[in-house]
N, C-alpha and C. Protein backbone atom coordinates (compact mmCIF):
# COMPACT_ATOMS: atom_id res chain seq x y z
N MET A 1 -23.16 -5.42 30.64
CA MET A 1 -22.06 -4.44 31.03
C MET A 1 -22.67 -3.40 32.14
N VAL A 2 -23.84 -3.00 31.71
CA VAL A 2 -24.12 -1.85 32.49
C VAL A 2 -24.28 -2.13 33.90
N PHE A 3 -24.46 -3.64 34.23
CA PHE A 3 -24.83 -3.84 35.76
C PHE A 3 -23.49 -4.19 36.36
N ARG A 4 -22.38 -4.38 35.55
CA ARG A 4 -21.15 -4.35 36.39
C ARG A 4 -20.06 -3.46 35.63
N PRO A 5 -20.36 -2.11 35.67
CA PRO A 5 -19.55 -1.23 34.98
C PRO A 5 -18.03 -1.19 35.49
N GLU A 6 -17.79 -1.68 36.74
CA GLU A 6 -16.51 -1.34 37.01
C GLU A 6 -15.52 -2.34 36.69
N THR A 7 -16.10 -3.47 36.07
CA THR A 7 -15.23 -4.44 35.39
C THR A 7 -14.81 -4.21 33.94
N TYR A 8 -15.48 -3.25 33.46
CA TYR A 8 -15.23 -2.64 31.80
C TYR A 8 -14.68 -1.14 31.87
N HIS A 9 -14.09 -0.92 30.92
CA HIS A 9 -13.66 0.42 30.52
C HIS A 9 -14.97 1.40 30.50
N PRO A 10 -14.80 2.45 31.12
CA PRO A 10 -15.96 3.39 30.92
C PRO A 10 -16.38 3.60 29.45
N SER A 11 -15.56 3.95 28.53
CA SER A 11 -15.91 4.20 26.96
C SER A 11 -16.70 3.03 26.69
N ILE A 12 -16.34 1.69 26.91
CA ILE A 12 -16.96 0.50 26.36
C ILE A 12 -18.35 0.35 26.97
N VAL A 13 -18.34 0.71 28.10
CA VAL A 13 -19.98 0.85 28.61
C VAL A 13 -20.77 1.69 28.15
N LEU A 14 -20.06 2.91 28.01
CA LEU A 14 -20.90 4.02 27.43
C LEU A 14 -21.31 3.67 25.76
N MET A 15 -20.43 2.83 24.99
CA MET A 15 -20.86 2.67 23.72
C MET A 15 -21.75 1.91 23.60
N TRP A 16 -21.84 0.71 24.47
CA TRP A 16 -22.98 -0.47 24.44
C TRP A 16 -24.21 0.29 24.93
N ALA A 17 -24.20 1.06 26.05
CA ALA A 17 -25.36 1.74 26.45
C ALA A 17 -25.98 2.50 25.38
N ASP A 18 -25.05 3.31 24.84
CA ASP A 18 -25.78 4.24 23.58
C ASP A 18 -26.26 3.39 22.36
N LEU A 19 -25.63 2.29 22.27
CA LEU A 19 -26.14 1.37 21.09
C LEU A 19 -27.44 0.88 21.52
N ALA A 20 -27.67 0.39 22.63
CA ALA A 20 -28.91 0.01 23.06
C ALA A 20 -30.14 1.00 23.04
N TYR A 21 -29.69 2.28 23.48
CA TYR A 21 -30.58 3.24 23.38
C TYR A 21 -30.95 3.49 21.86
N PHE A 22 -30.01 3.54 21.15
CA PHE A 22 -30.28 4.01 19.67
C PHE A 22 -31.14 2.70 19.02
N ILE A 23 -30.85 1.56 19.24
CA ILE A 23 -31.45 0.43 18.78
C ILE A 23 -33.08 0.53 19.31
N ALA A 24 -33.31 0.97 20.48
CA ALA A 24 -34.78 0.90 21.10
C ALA A 24 -35.37 2.09 20.69
N LEU A 25 -34.78 3.30 20.33
CA LEU A 25 -35.50 4.53 19.84
C LEU A 25 -35.67 4.74 18.37
N PHE A 26 -34.69 3.98 17.71
CA PHE A 26 -34.57 4.15 16.17
C PHE A 26 -35.08 2.70 15.35
N SER A 27 -35.89 2.31 16.10
CA SER A 27 -36.67 1.06 15.36
C SER A 27 -37.68 1.14 14.30
N VAL A 28 -37.94 2.35 14.01
CA VAL A 28 -39.07 2.87 13.00
C VAL A 28 -38.87 2.21 11.60
N PRO A 29 -37.64 2.33 11.10
CA PRO A 29 -37.36 1.46 9.92
C PRO A 29 -37.65 0.07 9.79
N VAL A 30 -37.40 -0.41 10.98
CA VAL A 30 -37.62 -2.01 11.18
C VAL A 30 -38.96 -2.15 11.15
N PHE A 31 -39.88 -1.52 12.00
CA PHE A 31 -41.35 -2.00 12.00
C PHE A 31 -42.01 -1.29 10.95
N GLY A 32 -41.59 -0.10 10.24
CA GLY A 32 -42.12 0.45 9.08
C GLY A 32 -41.88 -0.63 7.73
N GLY A 33 -40.90 -1.29 7.90
CA GLY A 33 -40.54 -2.14 6.73
C GLY A 33 -41.30 -3.55 6.92
N TRP A 34 -41.42 -3.96 8.04
CA TRP A 34 -42.26 -4.99 8.48
C TRP A 34 -43.81 -4.90 7.98
N CYS A 35 -44.36 -3.65 8.18
CA CYS A 35 -45.86 -3.21 7.96
C CYS A 35 -45.91 -3.33 6.26
N VAL A 36 -44.85 -2.54 5.71
CA VAL A 36 -44.83 -2.71 4.20
C VAL A 36 -44.83 -4.02 3.63
N MET A 37 -44.08 -4.86 4.32
CA MET A 37 -43.95 -6.27 3.73
C MET A 37 -45.29 -6.94 3.96
N VAL A 38 -45.93 -6.68 5.06
CA VAL A 38 -47.35 -7.26 5.40
C VAL A 38 -48.41 -6.71 4.22
N ALA A 39 -48.30 -5.62 3.92
CA ALA A 39 -49.23 -4.88 3.27
C ALA A 39 -49.01 -5.39 1.76
N LEU A 40 -47.73 -5.54 1.28
CA LEU A 40 -47.59 -6.12 -0.03
C LEU A 40 -47.99 -7.67 -0.11
N SER A 41 -47.87 -8.42 0.81
CA SER A 41 -48.44 -9.78 0.78
C SER A 41 -49.75 -9.72 0.62
N ILE A 42 -50.47 -8.84 1.26
CA ILE A 42 -52.05 -8.84 1.23
C ILE A 42 -52.35 -8.34 -0.14
N PHE A 43 -51.76 -7.16 -0.86
CA PHE A 43 -52.33 -6.64 -1.83
C PHE A 43 -51.88 -7.47 -3.24
N PHE A 44 -50.65 -8.20 -3.03
CA PHE A 44 -50.25 -9.16 -4.15
C PHE A 44 -50.74 -10.48 -4.24
N ALA A 45 -51.50 -10.90 -3.22
CA ALA A 45 -51.89 -12.23 -3.02
C ALA A 45 -53.00 -12.47 -4.15
N GLU A 46 -53.13 -13.82 -4.57
CA GLU A 46 -54.24 -13.99 -5.48
C GLU A 46 -55.54 -13.87 -4.86
N GLU A 47 -56.55 -13.55 -5.58
CA GLU A 47 -57.95 -13.37 -5.24
C GLU A 47 -58.43 -14.51 -4.35
N GLY A 48 -59.06 -14.16 -3.36
CA GLY A 48 -59.63 -15.34 -2.36
C GLY A 48 -58.46 -16.11 -1.54
N ASN A 49 -57.13 -15.68 -1.78
CA ASN A 49 -56.06 -16.46 -1.06
C ASN A 49 -55.20 -15.44 -0.16
N GLU A 50 -55.78 -14.36 0.12
CA GLU A 50 -55.10 -13.27 0.93
C GLU A 50 -55.00 -13.80 2.32
N PRO A 51 -53.68 -13.52 2.83
CA PRO A 51 -53.48 -13.86 4.17
C PRO A 51 -54.26 -13.17 5.33
N PHE A 52 -54.73 -11.95 5.05
CA PHE A 52 -55.42 -11.23 5.83
C PHE A 52 -56.50 -10.44 4.90
N PRO A 53 -57.68 -9.73 5.58
CA PRO A 53 -58.48 -8.92 4.95
C PRO A 53 -57.70 -7.65 4.24
N ARG A 54 -58.35 -7.33 3.04
CA ARG A 54 -57.65 -6.30 2.27
C ARG A 54 -57.59 -4.85 3.20
N TRP A 55 -58.47 -4.67 4.25
CA TRP A 55 -58.43 -3.37 4.91
C TRP A 55 -57.05 -3.58 5.71
N ALA A 56 -56.62 -4.72 6.22
CA ALA A 56 -55.48 -4.86 6.96
C ALA A 56 -54.27 -4.46 6.26
N GLY A 57 -54.19 -4.43 5.11
CA GLY A 57 -53.04 -4.00 4.11
C GLY A 57 -52.97 -2.46 4.13
N TYR A 58 -54.25 -1.68 4.14
CA TYR A 58 -54.25 -0.50 4.26
C TYR A 58 -53.92 -0.07 5.53
N LEU A 59 -54.26 -0.56 6.63
CA LEU A 59 -53.98 -0.26 8.00
C LEU A 59 -52.60 -0.42 8.22
N ASN A 60 -51.78 -1.30 7.53
CA ASN A 60 -50.36 -1.51 7.67
C ASN A 60 -49.79 -0.19 7.02
N LEU A 61 -50.16 0.10 5.79
CA LEU A 61 -49.52 1.31 5.26
C LEU A 61 -49.86 2.58 6.12
N TRP A 62 -51.20 2.73 6.87
CA TRP A 62 -51.28 3.87 7.65
C TRP A 62 -50.35 3.79 8.60
N MET A 63 -50.04 2.64 9.30
CA MET A 63 -49.18 2.52 10.34
C MET A 63 -47.66 2.97 10.03
N VAL A 64 -47.31 2.65 8.84
CA VAL A 64 -45.87 3.21 8.35
C VAL A 64 -45.99 4.60 8.55
N LEU A 65 -46.97 5.40 8.11
CA LEU A 65 -46.97 6.87 8.01
C LEU A 65 -47.04 7.39 9.44
N LEU A 66 -47.65 6.57 10.41
CA LEU A 66 -47.69 6.98 11.96
C LEU A 66 -46.35 6.62 12.55
N PHE A 67 -45.65 5.76 12.17
CA PHE A 67 -44.35 5.46 12.63
C PHE A 67 -43.25 6.60 12.31
N ALA A 68 -43.48 6.93 11.10
CA ALA A 68 -42.32 7.89 10.48
C ALA A 68 -41.88 9.05 11.64
N PRO A 69 -42.90 9.70 12.20
CA PRO A 69 -42.44 10.78 12.98
C PRO A 69 -41.56 10.46 13.94
N GLY A 70 -41.35 9.04 14.26
CA GLY A 70 -40.46 8.68 15.21
C GLY A 70 -38.94 8.94 14.98
N GLN A 71 -38.67 9.15 13.61
CA GLN A 71 -37.35 9.28 13.11
C GLN A 71 -36.92 10.84 13.39
N MET A 72 -37.91 11.67 13.83
CA MET A 72 -37.39 13.14 14.02
C MET A 72 -36.85 13.27 15.13
N ILE A 73 -36.84 12.29 16.30
CA ILE A 73 -35.97 12.35 17.45
C ILE A 73 -34.53 12.70 17.03
N MET A 74 -33.89 12.35 15.90
CA MET A 74 -32.69 12.58 15.50
C MET A 74 -32.41 14.32 15.45
N PHE A 75 -33.34 15.01 15.32
CA PHE A 75 -33.14 16.41 15.04
C PHE A 75 -33.41 17.25 15.98
N PHE A 76 -34.31 16.85 17.13
CA PHE A 76 -34.99 17.82 18.17
C PHE A 76 -34.36 17.28 19.32
N LYS A 77 -34.30 18.31 20.34
CA LYS A 77 -33.79 17.82 21.79
C LYS A 77 -35.10 18.31 22.49
N GLU A 78 -35.89 19.05 22.07
CA GLU A 78 -37.04 19.59 22.93
C GLU A 78 -38.31 19.77 21.90
N GLY A 79 -39.53 19.80 22.62
CA GLY A 79 -40.68 19.88 21.82
C GLY A 79 -41.37 18.71 21.25
N PRO A 80 -42.27 18.81 20.64
CA PRO A 80 -43.10 17.68 20.22
C PRO A 80 -42.60 16.85 19.31
N PHE A 81 -41.33 17.09 18.66
CA PHE A 81 -40.62 16.02 17.70
C PHE A 81 -39.27 15.54 18.74
N ALA A 82 -39.14 15.85 19.93
CA ALA A 82 -38.00 15.43 20.71
C ALA A 82 -38.45 13.85 20.97
N TRP A 83 -37.55 13.13 21.54
CA TRP A 83 -37.65 11.67 21.86
C TRP A 83 -38.69 11.58 22.95
N HIS A 84 -39.25 12.61 23.66
CA HIS A 84 -40.21 12.50 24.76
C HIS A 84 -41.30 13.22 24.38
N GLY A 85 -41.49 13.64 22.99
CA GLY A 85 -42.55 14.54 22.60
C GLY A 85 -43.82 13.88 21.98
N LEU A 86 -44.86 14.59 22.19
CA LEU A 86 -46.02 14.01 21.69
C LEU A 86 -46.03 13.40 20.15
N ILE A 87 -45.48 14.14 19.39
CA ILE A 87 -45.57 13.50 17.94
C ILE A 87 -44.50 12.44 17.72
N ALA A 88 -43.28 12.71 18.17
CA ALA A 88 -42.20 11.77 17.78
C ALA A 88 -42.22 10.39 18.70
N MET A 89 -42.67 10.58 19.71
CA MET A 89 -42.73 9.38 20.79
C MET A 89 -44.04 8.77 20.96
N TYR A 90 -44.87 9.57 21.34
CA TYR A 90 -46.19 8.89 21.75
C TYR A 90 -47.11 8.48 20.45
N LEU A 91 -47.17 9.13 19.40
CA LEU A 91 -47.94 8.84 18.21
C LEU A 91 -47.36 7.50 17.66
N PRO A 92 -46.07 7.38 17.50
CA PRO A 92 -45.55 6.02 17.03
C PRO A 92 -46.01 5.01 18.09
N PHE A 93 -45.90 5.22 19.26
CA PHE A 93 -45.96 4.36 20.29
C PHE A 93 -47.41 3.75 20.40
N ILE A 94 -48.36 4.67 20.21
CA ILE A 94 -49.82 4.48 20.31
C ILE A 94 -50.05 3.61 19.01
N ALA A 95 -49.64 4.17 18.01
CA ALA A 95 -49.73 3.35 16.67
C ALA A 95 -49.44 1.97 16.59
N PHE A 96 -48.07 1.68 17.28
CA PHE A 96 -47.65 0.42 17.27
C PHE A 96 -48.43 -0.45 18.07
N PHE A 97 -48.92 0.05 19.35
CA PHE A 97 -49.85 -0.90 20.06
C PHE A 97 -51.29 -1.13 19.36
N ILE A 98 -51.66 -0.35 18.67
CA ILE A 98 -53.11 -0.36 17.88
C ILE A 98 -52.68 -1.62 16.73
N TRP A 99 -51.54 -1.39 16.29
CA TRP A 99 -51.20 -2.35 15.14
C TRP A 99 -51.00 -3.69 15.69
N ILE A 100 -50.36 -3.87 16.91
CA ILE A 100 -50.16 -5.25 17.66
C ILE A 100 -51.48 -5.74 17.97
N GLY A 101 -52.32 -5.10 18.49
CA GLY A 101 -53.56 -5.38 18.84
C GLY A 101 -54.40 -5.95 17.75
N VAL A 102 -54.58 -5.12 16.74
CA VAL A 102 -55.50 -5.71 15.58
C VAL A 102 -54.80 -6.88 14.69
N MET A 103 -53.52 -6.78 14.56
CA MET A 103 -52.96 -7.84 13.76
C MET A 103 -52.78 -9.07 14.70
N SER A 104 -52.73 -9.01 15.99
CA SER A 104 -53.01 -10.24 16.78
C SER A 104 -54.29 -10.81 16.80
N HIS A 105 -55.34 -9.93 16.80
CA HIS A 105 -56.77 -10.36 16.65
C HIS A 105 -56.87 -11.16 15.39
N LEU A 106 -56.50 -10.64 14.46
CA LEU A 106 -56.56 -11.09 12.85
C LEU A 106 -55.93 -12.65 12.89
N MET A 107 -54.68 -12.36 13.61
CA MET A 107 -53.98 -13.89 13.46
C MET A 107 -54.67 -14.93 14.25
N ILE A 108 -55.18 -14.47 15.55
CA ILE A 108 -55.91 -15.38 16.38
C ILE A 108 -57.13 -15.99 15.63
N LYS A 109 -57.98 -15.12 14.96
CA LYS A 109 -59.04 -15.44 14.25
C LYS A 109 -58.79 -16.28 13.03
N ILE A 110 -57.88 -16.20 12.42
CA ILE A 110 -57.22 -17.06 11.20
C ILE A 110 -56.87 -18.46 11.64
N ALA A 111 -56.02 -18.36 12.76
CA ALA A 111 -55.76 -19.54 13.28
C ALA A 111 -56.79 -20.40 13.78
N LYS A 112 -57.96 -19.80 14.52
CA LYS A 112 -59.11 -20.59 14.92
C LYS A 112 -59.89 -21.18 13.59
N GLU A 113 -59.86 -20.40 12.53
CA GLU A 113 -60.76 -20.67 11.51
C GLU A 113 -59.90 -21.83 10.66
N GLU A 114 -58.35 -21.87 10.77
CA GLU A 114 -57.73 -23.08 10.13
C GLU A 114 -57.77 -24.31 10.99
N SER A 115 -57.91 -24.29 12.31
CA SER A 115 -57.96 -25.27 13.09
C SER A 115 -59.19 -26.02 13.05
N LYS A 116 -60.25 -25.43 12.38
CA LYS A 116 -61.56 -26.18 12.34
C LYS A 116 -61.48 -27.17 11.38
């Protein structure tokens, strides 16, 4: 809709653009919930049958805590808790890519071990 705004009513274009913006910036509960589920699957697995090393469960819980400041963007327009601030935007952003890197490495390592 944003690429052809002249074909739609402006309020509809604005509504969908705002929805895309909110989905992009308020994804903290989704990724936080994902990390909690991964951590629970590690902690509650049978001994010797864990999907990942136990430390990865603790890493996932730490990531939930590091993602949480991202929700502060609802309340601040300026400063470190704003959508472009150091704490609310960059801390969760950096934590997310560390998490992706570590979990991807673990998945590849496990996949290689399983294929042998």
